[in-house]
C-alpha cells in the first residue's frame, strides 16, 4: 500500500461508522482488501486479476520471502490442488517433483519459518505428507 492509501485509510478510520460504510462502497478492491483480515478473506478471490499476468508465482515467492503466513495460508487453500499437479518444476537448475516440494525448499531457503509451518500443517491436516521423504526428488541440471 502506498503512502496516499495509508493516509486515506488513517483519515477514514477517524470518521463515524456510517460515513465509513458509504466511503467503502466507492473504494476499489485492491484498497479494501488489505484493511482487515475479514476483508482479505472475502475479497481474496478478486485479487488475482489485479496481479500482473504471468506473475502469480513471483507473488507467491514474495509472500514467502516476507513470511506472511496469513496470506500464504489463503494461497495454499486456493491453489494446493493445482500446485500438486504442476509436475517437474524447475528453479535455479533444480527440478522439483512438483510445485509444493519447491515451496517447501523455498521456505527453508528464505528462512520463512511461519510459512513453512503453515504449509506442513496444511499437508498433515489433509494427509498429503505421508511418506514425503520417499517422494522427495531433486535433480540438478548443469
N, C-alpha and C. Protein backbone atom coordinates (compact mmCIF):
# COMPACT_ATOMS: atom_id res chain seq x y z
N UNK A 1 0.85 -1.16 0.00
CA UNK A 1 0.00 0.00 0.00
C UNK A 1 0.90 1.23 0.00
N UNK A 2 0.62 2.18 -0.89
CA UNK A 2 1.47 3.37 -0.95
C UNK A 2 1.05 4.40 0.11
N UNK A 3 1.80 5.49 0.18
CA UNK A 3 1.58 6.50 1.23
C UNK A 3 0.22 7.18 1.12
N UNK A 4 -0.25 7.39 -0.13
CA UNK A 4 -1.56 8.02 -0.30
C UNK A 4 -2.65 7.16 0.32
N UNK A 5 -2.59 5.86 0.05
CA UNK A 5 -3.61 4.95 0.59
C UNK A 5 -3.54 4.88 2.10
N UNK A 6 -2.32 4.88 2.66
CA UNK A 6 -2.17 4.84 4.12
C UNK A 6 -2.78 6.08 4.76
N UNK A 7 -2.51 7.23 4.16
CA UNK A 7 -3.05 8.48 4.68
C UNK A 7 -4.57 8.49 4.58
N UNK A 8 -5.08 8.02 3.44
CA UNK A 8 -6.52 7.95 3.25
C UNK A 8 -7.16 7.04 4.28
N UNK A 9 -6.56 5.89 4.51
CA UNK A 9 -7.11 4.94 5.47
C UNK A 9 -7.06 5.50 6.89
N UNK A 10 -6.05 6.27 7.20
CA UNK A 10 -5.95 6.88 8.52
C UNK A 10 -7.09 7.88 8.73
N UNK A 11 -7.38 8.69 7.71
CA UNK A 11 -8.48 9.65 7.82
C UNK A 11 -9.83 8.93 7.92
N UNK A 12 -9.98 7.88 7.16
CA UNK A 12 -11.24 7.13 7.19
C UNK A 12 -11.45 6.49 8.56
N UNK A 13 -10.38 6.02 9.17
CA UNK A 13 -10.53 5.36 10.48
C UNK A 13 -11.00 6.33 11.56
N UNK A 14 -10.78 7.63 11.39
CA UNK A 14 -11.23 8.62 12.37
C UNK A 14 -12.68 9.02 12.20
N UNK A 15 -13.32 8.64 11.10
CA UNK A 15 -14.68 9.05 10.80
C UNK A 15 -15.70 8.14 11.49
N UNK A 16 -16.94 8.61 11.59
CA UNK A 16 -18.01 7.77 12.15
C UNK A 16 -18.28 6.56 11.23
N UNK A 17 -18.85 5.51 11.80
CA UNK A 17 -19.08 4.26 11.07
C UNK A 17 -20.01 4.43 9.87
N UNK A 18 -21.01 5.28 9.97
CA UNK A 18 -21.94 5.49 8.85
C UNK A 18 -21.21 6.04 7.63
N UNK A 19 -20.35 6.98 7.86
CA UNK A 19 -19.60 7.58 6.75
C UNK A 19 -18.59 6.58 6.20
N UNK A 20 -17.97 5.78 7.08
CA UNK A 20 -17.03 4.75 6.63
C UNK A 20 -17.70 3.79 5.65
N UNK A 21 -18.90 3.38 5.97
CA UNK A 21 -19.60 2.43 5.12
C UNK A 21 -19.86 3.02 3.74
N UNK A 22 -20.26 4.28 3.69
CA UNK A 22 -20.53 4.94 2.41
C UNK A 22 -19.24 5.09 1.60
N UNK A 23 -18.16 5.48 2.25
CA UNK A 23 -16.88 5.64 1.55
C UNK A 23 -16.37 4.30 1.05
N UNK A 24 -16.54 3.28 1.84
CA UNK A 24 -16.05 1.94 1.48
C UNK A 24 -16.67 1.43 0.18
N UNK A 25 -17.91 1.83 -0.08
CA UNK A 25 -18.58 1.41 -1.31
C UNK A 25 -17.89 1.98 -2.56
N UNK A 26 -17.20 3.09 -2.43
CA UNK A 26 -16.57 3.73 -3.58
C UNK A 26 -15.09 3.37 -3.75
N UNK A 27 -14.53 2.67 -2.78
CA UNK A 27 -13.12 2.29 -2.87
C UNK A 27 -12.97 1.05 -3.74
N UNK A 28 -11.85 0.96 -4.44
CA UNK A 28 -11.57 -0.21 -5.27
C UNK A 28 -11.15 -1.39 -4.39
N UNK A 29 -11.30 -2.58 -4.92
CA UNK A 29 -11.00 -3.80 -4.17
C UNK A 29 -9.53 -3.86 -3.72
N UNK A 30 -8.55 -3.48 -4.55
CA UNK A 30 -7.17 -3.54 -4.04
C UNK A 30 -6.92 -2.66 -2.82
N UNK A 31 -7.72 -1.62 -2.65
CA UNK A 31 -7.58 -0.77 -1.48
C UNK A 31 -8.28 -1.39 -0.27
N UNK A 32 -9.44 -1.96 -0.50
CA UNK A 32 -10.24 -2.54 0.58
C UNK A 32 -9.62 -3.83 1.12
N UNK A 33 -9.03 -4.60 0.25
CA UNK A 33 -8.62 -5.97 0.60
C UNK A 33 -7.62 -6.02 1.76
N UNK A 34 -6.77 -5.05 1.88
CA UNK A 34 -5.72 -5.10 2.89
C UNK A 34 -6.06 -4.35 4.18
N UNK A 35 -7.30 -3.94 4.35
CA UNK A 35 -7.69 -3.21 5.56
C UNK A 35 -7.79 -4.14 6.76
N UNK A 36 -8.54 -5.24 6.61
CA UNK A 36 -8.71 -6.18 7.70
C UNK A 36 -8.57 -7.61 7.18
N UNK A 37 -8.41 -8.55 8.09
CA UNK A 37 -8.32 -9.95 7.71
C UNK A 37 -9.63 -10.44 7.11
N UNK A 38 -10.74 -9.99 7.66
CA UNK A 38 -12.04 -10.40 7.11
C UNK A 38 -12.20 -9.93 5.67
N UNK A 39 -11.79 -8.69 5.40
CA UNK A 39 -11.85 -8.19 4.03
C UNK A 39 -10.94 -9.01 3.11
N UNK A 40 -9.78 -9.37 3.62
CA UNK A 40 -8.86 -10.15 2.79
C UNK A 40 -9.46 -11.52 2.47
N UNK A 41 -10.05 -12.17 3.44
CA UNK A 41 -10.65 -13.49 3.21
C UNK A 41 -11.79 -13.38 2.21
N UNK A 42 -12.62 -12.37 2.36
CA UNK A 42 -13.79 -12.22 1.48
C UNK A 42 -13.38 -11.83 0.06
N UNK A 43 -12.42 -10.92 -0.09
CA UNK A 43 -12.07 -10.38 -1.40
C UNK A 43 -10.84 -11.02 -2.04
N UNK A 44 -10.26 -12.02 -1.39
CA UNK A 44 -9.01 -12.60 -1.91
C UNK A 44 -9.17 -13.15 -3.32
N UNK A 45 -10.31 -13.73 -3.62
CA UNK A 45 -10.51 -14.30 -4.96
C UNK A 45 -10.51 -13.23 -6.04
N UNK A 46 -10.77 -11.97 -5.68
CA UNK A 46 -10.77 -10.89 -6.66
C UNK A 46 -9.39 -10.25 -6.83
N UNK A 47 -8.42 -10.70 -6.08
CA UNK A 47 -7.08 -10.11 -6.16
C UNK A 47 -6.33 -10.56 -7.41
N UNK A 48 -6.55 -11.77 -7.85
CA UNK A 48 -5.80 -12.32 -8.98
C UNK A 48 -5.84 -11.45 -10.24
N UNK A 49 -6.98 -10.89 -10.65
CA UNK A 49 -6.97 -10.04 -11.86
C UNK A 49 -6.10 -8.79 -11.71
N UNK A 50 -5.86 -8.35 -10.47
CA UNK A 50 -5.05 -7.17 -10.26
C UNK A 50 -3.56 -7.48 -10.28
N UNK A 51 -3.21 -8.75 -10.18
CA UNK A 51 -1.80 -9.14 -10.30
C UNK A 51 -1.43 -9.12 -11.76
N UNK A 52 -0.19 -8.81 -12.04
CA UNK A 52 0.28 -8.79 -13.42
C UNK A 52 0.22 -10.20 -13.97
N UNK A 53 -0.28 -10.32 -15.18
CA UNK A 53 -0.43 -11.64 -15.79
C UNK A 53 0.92 -12.35 -15.82
N UNK A 54 0.92 -13.64 -15.54
CA UNK A 54 2.12 -14.49 -15.51
C UNK A 54 3.08 -14.14 -14.39
N UNK A 55 2.63 -13.40 -13.38
CA UNK A 55 3.49 -13.04 -12.26
C UNK A 55 2.96 -13.61 -10.95
N UNK A 56 2.04 -14.56 -11.01
CA UNK A 56 1.46 -15.12 -9.80
C UNK A 56 2.52 -15.87 -9.00
N UNK A 57 3.41 -16.59 -9.68
CA UNK A 57 4.47 -17.32 -8.97
C UNK A 57 5.41 -16.35 -8.25
N UNK A 58 5.68 -15.23 -8.86
CA UNK A 58 6.51 -14.22 -8.20
C UNK A 58 5.79 -13.66 -6.97
N UNK A 59 4.47 -13.52 -7.06
CA UNK A 59 3.68 -13.06 -5.92
C UNK A 59 3.77 -14.07 -4.77
N UNK A 60 3.66 -15.35 -5.09
CA UNK A 60 3.74 -16.39 -4.06
C UNK A 60 5.13 -16.38 -3.42
N UNK A 61 6.17 -16.28 -4.23
CA UNK A 61 7.53 -16.25 -3.68
C UNK A 61 7.75 -15.02 -2.82
N UNK A 62 7.18 -13.88 -3.22
CA UNK A 62 7.32 -12.66 -2.43
C UNK A 62 6.62 -12.80 -1.08
N UNK A 63 5.46 -13.44 -1.07
CA UNK A 63 4.75 -13.68 0.19
C UNK A 63 5.60 -14.55 1.11
N UNK A 64 6.25 -15.57 0.54
CA UNK A 64 7.11 -16.45 1.34
C UNK A 64 8.33 -15.69 1.85
N UNK A 65 8.96 -14.91 0.99
CA UNK A 65 10.16 -14.16 1.41
C UNK A 65 9.85 -13.23 2.57
N UNK A 66 8.67 -12.63 2.55
CA UNK A 66 8.30 -11.70 3.62
C UNK A 66 7.64 -12.42 4.80
N UNK A 67 7.47 -13.73 4.67
CA UNK A 67 6.94 -14.60 5.73
C UNK A 67 5.55 -14.16 6.20
N UNK A 68 4.67 -13.87 5.24
CA UNK A 68 3.29 -13.52 5.54
C UNK A 68 2.44 -14.78 5.61
N UNK A 69 2.34 -15.34 6.78
CA UNK A 69 1.69 -16.64 6.92
C UNK A 69 0.20 -16.59 6.65
N UNK A 70 -0.48 -15.51 7.01
CA UNK A 70 -1.93 -15.43 6.78
C UNK A 70 -2.24 -15.44 5.28
N UNK A 71 -1.53 -14.64 4.52
CA UNK A 71 -1.74 -14.58 3.07
C UNK A 71 -1.35 -15.92 2.44
N UNK A 72 -0.25 -16.50 2.91
CA UNK A 72 0.22 -17.77 2.38
C UNK A 72 -0.80 -18.88 2.66
N UNK A 73 -1.43 -18.85 3.80
CA UNK A 73 -2.45 -19.83 4.12
C UNK A 73 -3.63 -19.73 3.15
N UNK A 74 -4.03 -18.52 2.80
CA UNK A 74 -5.10 -18.34 1.82
C UNK A 74 -4.68 -18.87 0.46
N UNK A 75 -3.45 -18.60 0.07
CA UNK A 75 -2.95 -19.09 -1.21
C UNK A 75 -2.91 -20.61 -1.25
N UNK A 76 -2.50 -21.22 -0.15
CA UNK A 76 -2.47 -22.69 -0.08
C UNK A 76 -3.88 -23.26 -0.24
N UNK A 77 -4.82 -22.71 0.50
CA UNK A 77 -6.19 -23.23 0.44
C UNK A 77 -6.77 -23.14 -0.96
N UNK A 78 -6.43 -22.11 -1.70
CA UNK A 78 -6.97 -21.93 -3.04
C UNK A 78 -6.24 -22.77 -4.10
N UNK A 79 -4.93 -22.95 -3.94
CA UNK A 79 -4.13 -23.43 -5.06
C UNK A 79 -3.42 -24.76 -4.87
N UNK A 80 -3.55 -25.41 -3.74
CA UNK A 80 -2.74 -26.60 -3.48
C UNK A 80 -3.01 -27.71 -4.49
N UNK A 81 -4.23 -27.86 -4.95
CA UNK A 81 -4.52 -28.90 -5.93
C UNK A 81 -3.79 -28.64 -7.24
N UNK A 82 -3.75 -27.38 -7.66
CA UNK A 82 -3.03 -27.02 -8.88
C UNK A 82 -1.53 -27.22 -8.69
N UNK A 83 -1.03 -26.85 -7.51
CA UNK A 83 0.41 -26.95 -7.26
C UNK A 83 0.88 -28.40 -7.26
N UNK A 84 0.06 -29.31 -6.77
CA UNK A 84 0.45 -30.72 -6.75
C UNK A 84 0.50 -31.27 -8.18
N UNK A 85 -0.39 -30.80 -9.02
CA UNK A 85 -0.42 -31.27 -10.41
C UNK A 85 0.64 -30.61 -11.28
N UNK A 86 1.27 -29.57 -10.78
CA UNK A 86 2.31 -28.84 -11.52
C UNK A 86 3.62 -29.61 -11.35
N UNK A 87 3.84 -30.59 -12.21
CA UNK A 87 4.96 -31.54 -12.09
C UNK A 87 6.25 -30.96 -12.65
N UNK A 88 7.36 -31.49 -12.15
CA UNK A 88 8.71 -31.17 -12.64
C UNK A 88 8.97 -29.67 -12.73
N UNK A 89 8.78 -28.99 -11.63
CA UNK A 89 9.02 -27.54 -11.57
C UNK A 89 10.51 -27.28 -11.54
N UNK A 90 10.99 -26.40 -12.40
CA UNK A 90 12.42 -26.09 -12.50
C UNK A 90 12.67 -24.70 -11.91
N UNK A 91 13.64 -24.63 -11.00
CA UNK A 91 14.05 -23.37 -10.41
C UNK A 91 15.53 -23.45 -10.10
N UNK A 92 16.31 -22.51 -10.62
CA UNK A 92 17.76 -22.45 -10.41
C UNK A 92 18.43 -23.80 -10.70
N UNK A 93 18.17 -24.33 -11.86
CA UNK A 93 18.79 -25.56 -12.35
C UNK A 93 18.50 -26.78 -11.48
N UNK A 94 17.41 -26.76 -10.76
CA UNK A 94 16.99 -27.91 -9.96
C UNK A 94 15.55 -28.24 -10.36
N UNK A 95 15.31 -29.52 -10.61
CA UNK A 95 13.96 -29.98 -10.93
C UNK A 95 13.33 -30.54 -9.66
N UNK A 96 12.19 -29.99 -9.28
CA UNK A 96 11.44 -30.45 -8.11
C UNK A 96 10.29 -31.33 -8.60
N UNK A 97 9.92 -32.30 -7.81
CA UNK A 97 8.86 -33.24 -8.20
C UNK A 97 7.56 -32.52 -8.53
N UNK A 98 7.18 -31.54 -7.74
CA UNK A 98 6.04 -30.67 -8.03
C UNK A 98 6.26 -29.33 -7.34
N UNK A 99 5.31 -28.43 -7.54
CA UNK A 99 5.47 -27.07 -7.03
C UNK A 99 5.43 -27.02 -5.51
N UNK A 100 4.72 -27.93 -4.88
CA UNK A 100 4.65 -27.95 -3.41
C UNK A 100 6.02 -28.26 -2.82
N UNK A 101 6.75 -29.21 -3.41
CA UNK A 101 8.10 -29.50 -2.93
C UNK A 101 9.02 -28.30 -3.12
N UNK A 102 8.83 -27.59 -4.22
CA UNK A 102 9.62 -26.36 -4.42
C UNK A 102 9.31 -25.36 -3.31
N UNK A 103 8.03 -25.19 -2.97
CA UNK A 103 7.66 -24.23 -1.93
C UNK A 103 8.26 -24.61 -0.58
N UNK A 104 8.31 -25.90 -0.30
CA UNK A 104 8.91 -26.34 0.96
C UNK A 104 10.38 -25.94 1.02
N UNK A 105 11.11 -26.22 -0.04
CA UNK A 105 12.53 -25.86 -0.07
C UNK A 105 12.73 -24.35 -0.14
N UNK A 106 11.82 -23.66 -0.82
CA UNK A 106 11.94 -22.20 -0.90
C UNK A 106 11.72 -21.56 0.46
N UNK A 107 10.78 -22.10 1.24
CA UNK A 107 10.57 -21.60 2.60
C UNK A 107 11.82 -21.79 3.45
N UNK A 108 12.47 -22.93 3.28
CA UNK A 108 13.70 -23.20 4.04
C UNK A 108 14.81 -22.26 3.60
N UNK A 109 14.95 -22.04 2.28
CA UNK A 109 16.00 -21.15 1.78
C UNK A 109 15.82 -19.71 2.25
N UNK A 110 14.57 -19.28 2.34
CA UNK A 110 14.29 -17.89 2.73
C UNK A 110 14.12 -17.72 4.23
N UNK A 111 14.29 -18.79 4.99
CA UNK A 111 14.10 -18.76 6.45
C UNK A 111 12.71 -18.26 6.83
N UNK A 112 11.71 -18.68 6.07
CA UNK A 112 10.33 -18.32 6.35
C UNK A 112 9.70 -19.43 7.18
N UNK A 113 9.94 -19.39 8.45
CA UNK A 113 9.54 -20.47 9.33
C UNK A 113 8.03 -20.54 9.48
N UNK A 114 7.37 -19.40 9.58
CA UNK A 114 5.91 -19.41 9.72
C UNK A 114 5.23 -19.98 8.47
N UNK A 115 5.72 -19.59 7.30
CA UNK A 115 5.15 -20.13 6.05
C UNK A 115 5.44 -21.63 5.94
N UNK A 116 6.63 -22.03 6.32
CA UNK A 116 7.00 -23.45 6.29
C UNK A 116 6.09 -24.26 7.22
N UNK A 117 5.86 -23.77 8.42
CA UNK A 117 4.99 -24.46 9.37
C UNK A 117 3.54 -24.49 8.87
N UNK A 118 3.10 -23.40 8.26
CA UNK A 118 1.75 -23.35 7.71
C UNK A 118 1.57 -24.39 6.61
N UNK A 119 2.55 -24.50 5.73
CA UNK A 119 2.48 -25.48 4.64
C UNK A 119 2.52 -26.91 5.18
N UNK A 120 3.40 -27.17 6.12
CA UNK A 120 3.48 -28.51 6.72
C UNK A 120 2.20 -28.88 7.46
N UNK A 121 1.64 -27.94 8.20
CA UNK A 121 0.39 -28.20 8.91
C UNK A 121 -0.74 -28.51 7.94
N UNK A 122 -0.79 -27.75 6.86
CA UNK A 122 -1.83 -27.99 5.86
C UNK A 122 -1.67 -29.38 5.23
N UNK A 123 -0.45 -29.74 4.90
CA UNK A 123 -0.21 -31.06 4.29
C UNK A 123 -0.54 -32.19 5.26
N UNK A 124 -0.20 -32.01 6.53
CA UNK A 124 -0.52 -33.04 7.53
C UNK A 124 -2.02 -33.15 7.75
N UNK A 125 -2.66 -32.00 7.83
CA UNK A 125 -4.10 -31.99 8.07
C UNK A 125 -4.87 -32.67 6.94
N UNK A 126 -4.41 -32.48 5.73
CA UNK A 126 -5.08 -33.08 4.56
C UNK A 126 -4.45 -34.40 4.13
N UNK A 127 -3.57 -34.92 4.97
CA UNK A 127 -2.91 -36.22 4.75
C UNK A 127 -2.21 -36.29 3.40
N UNK A 128 -1.49 -35.24 3.07
CA UNK A 128 -0.75 -35.20 1.82
C UNK A 128 0.74 -35.40 2.03
N UNK A 129 1.15 -35.60 3.26
CA UNK A 129 2.57 -35.68 3.53
C UNK A 129 3.03 -37.07 3.93
N UNK A 130 2.21 -38.07 3.68
CA UNK A 130 2.61 -39.41 4.06
C UNK A 130 3.74 -39.87 3.14
N UNK A 131 4.79 -40.39 3.74
CA UNK A 131 5.97 -40.87 3.01
C UNK A 131 6.57 -39.79 2.11
N UNK A 132 6.54 -38.57 2.59
CA UNK A 132 7.07 -37.47 1.77
C UNK A 132 8.57 -37.60 1.56
N UNK A 133 9.27 -38.20 2.50
CA UNK A 133 10.72 -38.35 2.35
C UNK A 133 11.06 -39.28 1.18
N UNK A 134 10.16 -40.19 0.83
CA UNK A 134 10.40 -41.08 -0.31
C UNK A 134 10.11 -40.38 -1.63
N UNK A 135 9.20 -39.43 -1.60
CA UNK A 135 8.79 -38.74 -2.82
C UNK A 135 9.67 -37.54 -3.15
N UNK A 136 10.56 -37.22 -2.26
CA UNK A 136 11.38 -36.04 -2.41
C UNK A 136 12.45 -36.27 -3.46
N UNK A 137 12.21 -35.79 -4.65
CA UNK A 137 13.15 -36.00 -5.75
C UNK A 137 13.64 -34.64 -6.23
N UNK A 138 14.94 -34.44 -6.15
CA UNK A 138 15.59 -33.24 -6.67
C UNK A 138 16.62 -33.68 -7.70
N UNK A 139 16.59 -33.05 -8.84
CA UNK A 139 17.58 -33.33 -9.87
C UNK A 139 18.27 -32.05 -10.22
N UNK A 140 19.57 -32.07 -10.17
CA UNK A 140 20.35 -30.88 -10.54
C UNK A 140 20.66 -30.94 -12.04
N UNK A 141 20.43 -29.84 -12.71
CA UNK A 141 20.70 -29.74 -14.14
C UNK A 141 21.92 -28.85 -14.31
N UNK A 142 22.90 -29.34 -15.01
CA UNK A 142 24.08 -28.49 -15.27
C UNK A 142 24.50 -28.61 -16.70
